[in-house]
Amino acid sequence: MKSIATLTLCLLASASAQSAVYRCGSTYSQSPCPQARFVDVDDARTDAQRGDAQLLAASDKRLGDQMASERLARDAAQTRAAKSAHTKPAKRAHATKIKWFRP
């Protein structure tokens, strides 16, 4: 638990210490390249807005996990139903030999 709190504090400290971010083609870097464009990464949201966003993201994650488990259960039920529907056909009765009448 202490390691999670320490990690969270480190992330918050690094997030508050703004560093320059540059876009170099389709990649992003903290050091500029020849045709680098500066990217403004300032988060202008308030702490309350960030908290609301985190709560919403957590709620969305729970909903997504619930939907995934429901889908897996539904798929498993369909697989079981399909397997039980594909039982072996009943054996055919063997044809009896026909004796031809020869006059």
C-alpha atoms as a PDB file:
ATOM      1  CA  MET A   1       0.000   0.000   0.000  1.00  0.00           C
ATOM      2  CA  LYS A   2       2.867   2.363   0.797  1.00  0.00           C
ATOM      3  CA  SER A   3       4.406   1.736  -2.618  1.00  0.00           C
ATOM      4  CA  ILE A   4       1.157   2.726  -4.345  1.00  0.00           C
ATOM      5  CA  ALA A   5       0.996   5.959  -2.351  1.00  0.00           C
ATOM      6  CA  THR A   6       4.656   6.683  -3.102  1.00  0.00           C
ATOM      7  CA  LEU A   7       4.134   6.021  -6.794  1.00  0.00           C
ATOM      8  CA  THR A   8       1.082   8.275  -6.850  1.00  0.00           C
ATOM      9  CA  LEU A   9       3.000  11.108  -5.183  1.00  0.00           C
ATOM     10  CA  CYS A  10       5.880  10.731  -7.629  1.00  0.00           C
ATOM     11  CA  LEU A  11       3.493  10.839 -10.588  1.00  0.00           C
ATOM     12  CA  LEU A  12       1.753  13.926  -9.230  1.00  0.00           C
ATOM     13  CA  ALA A  13       5.075  15.647  -8.634  1.00  0.00           C
ATOM     14  CA  SER A  14       6.295  14.853 -12.142  1.00  0.00           C
ATOM     15  CA  ALA A  15       2.989  15.977 -13.647  1.00  0.00           C
ATOM     16  CA  SER A  16       3.164  19.318 -11.875  1.00  0.00           C
ATOM     17  CA  ALA A  17       6.721  19.935 -13.084  1.00  0.00           C
ATOM     18  CA  GLN A  18       5.862  20.860 -16.658  1.00  0.00           C
ATOM     19  CA  SER A  19       8.388  19.813 -19.231  1.00  0.00           C
ATOM     20  CA  ALA A  20       8.383  20.704 -22.881  1.00  0.00           C
ATOM     21  CA  VAL A  21       6.864  18.182 -25.284  1.00  0.00           C
ATOM     22  CA  TYR A  22       7.655  18.241 -28.974  1.00  0.00           C
ATOM     23  CA  ARG A  23       5.975  16.500 -31.872  1.00  0.00           C
ATOM     24  CA  CYS A  24       8.398  15.091 -34.393  1.00  0.00           C
ATOM     25  CA  GLY A  25       6.360  13.640 -37.244  1.00  0.00           C
ATOM     26  CA  SER A  26       4.177  10.970 -35.668  1.00  0.00           C
ATOM     27  CA  THR A  27       6.149  10.665 -32.410  1.00  0.00           C
ATOM     28  CA  TYR A  28       6.382  12.792 -29.291  1.00  0.00           C
ATOM     29  CA  SER A  29       9.551  13.604 -27.387  1.00  0.00           C
ATOM     30  CA  GLN A  30      10.925  15.839 -24.641  1.00  0.00           C
ATOM     31  CA  SER A  31      13.837  16.834 -26.861  1.00  0.00           C
ATOM     32  CA  PRO A  32      13.245  18.704 -30.106  1.00  0.00           C
ATOM     33  CA  CYS A  33      14.050  17.261 -33.512  1.00  0.00           C
ATOM     34  CA  PRO A  34      14.835  19.341 -36.655  1.00  0.00           C
ATOM     35  CA  GLN A  35      11.175  19.973 -37.613  1.00  0.00           C
ATOM     36  CA  ALA A  36       9.773  19.738 -34.092  1.00  0.00           C
ATOM     37  CA  ARG A  37       6.545  21.459 -33.156  1.00  0.00           C
ATOM     38  CA  PHE A  38       5.914  22.432 -29.535  1.00  0.00           C
ATOM     39  CA  VAL A  39       2.854  20.775 -28.000  1.00  0.00           C
ATOM     40  CA  ASP A  40       1.036  22.522 -25.163  1.00  0.00           C
ATOM     41  CA  VAL A  41       0.327  19.825 -22.562  1.00  0.00           C
ATOM     42  CA  ASP A  42      -0.943  22.133 -19.832  1.00  0.00           C
ATOM     43  CA  ASP A  43      -3.963  20.640 -18.048  1.00  0.00           C
ATOM     44  CA  ALA A  44      -6.212  23.595 -17.320  1.00  0.00           C
ATOM     45  CA  ARG A  45      -8.801  21.536 -15.390  1.00  0.00           C
ATOM     46  CA  THR A  46      -9.427  22.136 -11.714  1.00  0.00           C
ATOM     47  CA  ASP A  47      -8.801  19.439  -9.115  1.00  0.00           C
ATOM     48  CA  ALA A  48     -12.567  18.869  -8.863  1.00  0.00           C
ATOM     49  CA  GLN A  49     -12.813  18.403 -12.636  1.00  0.00           C
ATOM     50  CA  ARG A  50      -9.903  15.930 -12.605  1.00  0.00           C
ATOM     51  CA  GLY A  51     -11.552  14.031  -9.745  1.00  0.00           C
ATOM     52  CA  ASP A  52     -14.855  13.886 -11.618  1.00  0.00           C
ATOM     53  CA  ALA A  53     -13.066  12.624 -14.720  1.00  0.00           C
ATOM     54  CA  GLN A  54     -11.311   9.907 -12.699  1.00  0.00           C
ATOM     55  CA  LEU A  55     -14.611   8.807 -11.124  1.00  0.00           C
ATOM     56  CA  LEU A  56     -16.247   8.687 -14.556  1.00  0.00           C
ATOM     57  CA  ALA A  57     -13.339   6.669 -15.973  1.00  0.00           C
ATOM     58  CA  ALA A  58     -13.554   4.198 -13.071  1.00  0.00           C
ATOM     59  CA  SER A  59     -17.313   3.871 -13.596  1.00  0.00           C
ATOM     60  CA  ASP A  60     -16.795   3.271 -17.319  1.00  0.00           C
ATOM     61  CA  LYS A  61     -14.182   0.620 -16.548  1.00  0.00           C
ATOM     62  CA  ARG A  62     -16.545  -1.205 -14.176  1.00  0.00           C
ATOM     63  CA  LEU A  63     -19.333  -1.067 -16.762  1.00  0.00           C
ATOM     64  CA  GLY A  64     -17.007  -2.357 -19.473  1.00  0.00           C
ATOM     65  CA  ASP A  65     -15.812  -5.207 -17.260  1.00  0.00           C
ATOM     66  CA  GLN A  66     -19.427  -6.118 -16.451  1.00  0.00           C
ATOM     67  CA  MET A  67     -20.382  -6.080 -20.133  1.00  0.00           C
ATOM     68  CA  ALA A  68     -17.386  -8.261 -21.004  1.00  0.00           C
ATOM     69  CA  SER A  69     -18.255 -10.845 -18.350  1.00  0.00           C
ATOM     70  CA  GLU A  70     -21.890 -10.908 -19.526  1.00  0.00           C
ATOM     71  CA  ARG A  71     -20.740 -11.430 -23.113  1.00  0.00           C
ATOM     72  CA  LEU A  72     -18.421 -14.264 -22.104  1.00  0.00           C
ATOM     73  CA  ALA A  73     -21.222 -15.940 -20.138  1.00  0.00           C
ATOM     74  CA  ARG A  74     -23.607 -15.550 -23.079  1.00  0.00           C
ATOM     75  CA  ASP A  75     -21.023 -16.975 -25.504  1.00  0.00           C
ATOM     76  CA  ALA A  76     -20.391 -19.935 -23.201  1.00  0.00           C
ATOM     77  CA  ALA A  77     -24.134 -20.630 -22.963  1.00  0.00           C
ATOM     78  CA  GLN A  78     -24.463 -20.486 -26.750  1.00  0.00           C
ATOM     79  CA  THR A  79     -21.530 -22.865 -27.151  1.00  0.00           C
ATOM     80  CA  ARG A  80     -23.091 -25.330 -24.696  1.00  0.00           C
ATOM     81  CA  ALA A  81     -26.439 -25.090 -26.500  1.00  0.00           C
ATOM     82  CA  ALA A  82     -24.794 -25.648 -29.870  1.00  0.00           C
ATOM     83  CA  LYS A  83     -22.904 -28.690 -28.587  1.00  0.00           C
ATOM     84  CA  SER A  84     -26.057 -30.255 -27.132  1.00  0.00           C
ATOM     85  CA  ALA A  85     -27.941 -29.616 -30.400  1.00  0.00           C
ATOM     86  CA  HIS A  86     -25.274 -31.498 -32.361  1.00  0.00           C
ATOM     87  CA  THR A  87     -25.885 -34.902 -30.873  1.00  0.00           C
ATOM     88  CA  LYS A  88     -25.223 -37.959 -32.990  1.00  0.00           C
ATOM     89  CA  PRO A  89     -28.112 -38.887 -35.262  1.00  0.00           C
ATOM     90  CA  ALA A  90     -30.072 -41.994 -34.407  1.00  0.00           C
ATOM     91  CA  LYS A  91     -28.743 -45.145 -35.978  1.00  0.00           C
ATOM     92  CA  ARG A  92     -30.596 -46.306 -39.049  1.00  0.00           C
ATOM     93  CA  ALA A  93     -32.101 -49.676 -38.980  1.00  0.00           C
ATOM     94  CA  HIS A  94     -30.201 -52.094 -41.202  1.00  0.00           C
ATOM     95  CA  ALA A  95     -31.987 -52.965 -44.353  1.00  0.00           C
ATOM     96  CA  THR A  96     -33.142 -56.531 -44.459  1.00  0.00           C
ATOM     97  CA  LYS A  97     -32.132 -58.641 -47.343  1.00  0.00           C
ATOM     98  CA  ILE A  98     -34.810 -58.998 -49.919  1.00  0.00           C
ATOM     99  CA  LYS A  99     -35.187 -62.457 -51.260  1.00  0.00           C
ATOM    100  CA  TRP A 100     -36.222 -62.394 -54.821  1.00  0.00           C
ATOM    101  CA  PHE A 101     -38.731 -64.856 -55.919  1.00  0.00           C
ATOM    102  CA  ARG A 102     -37.549 -66.784 -58.885  1.00  0.00           C
ATOM    103  CA  PRO A 103     -40.149 -68.814 -60.710  1.00  0.00           C
END
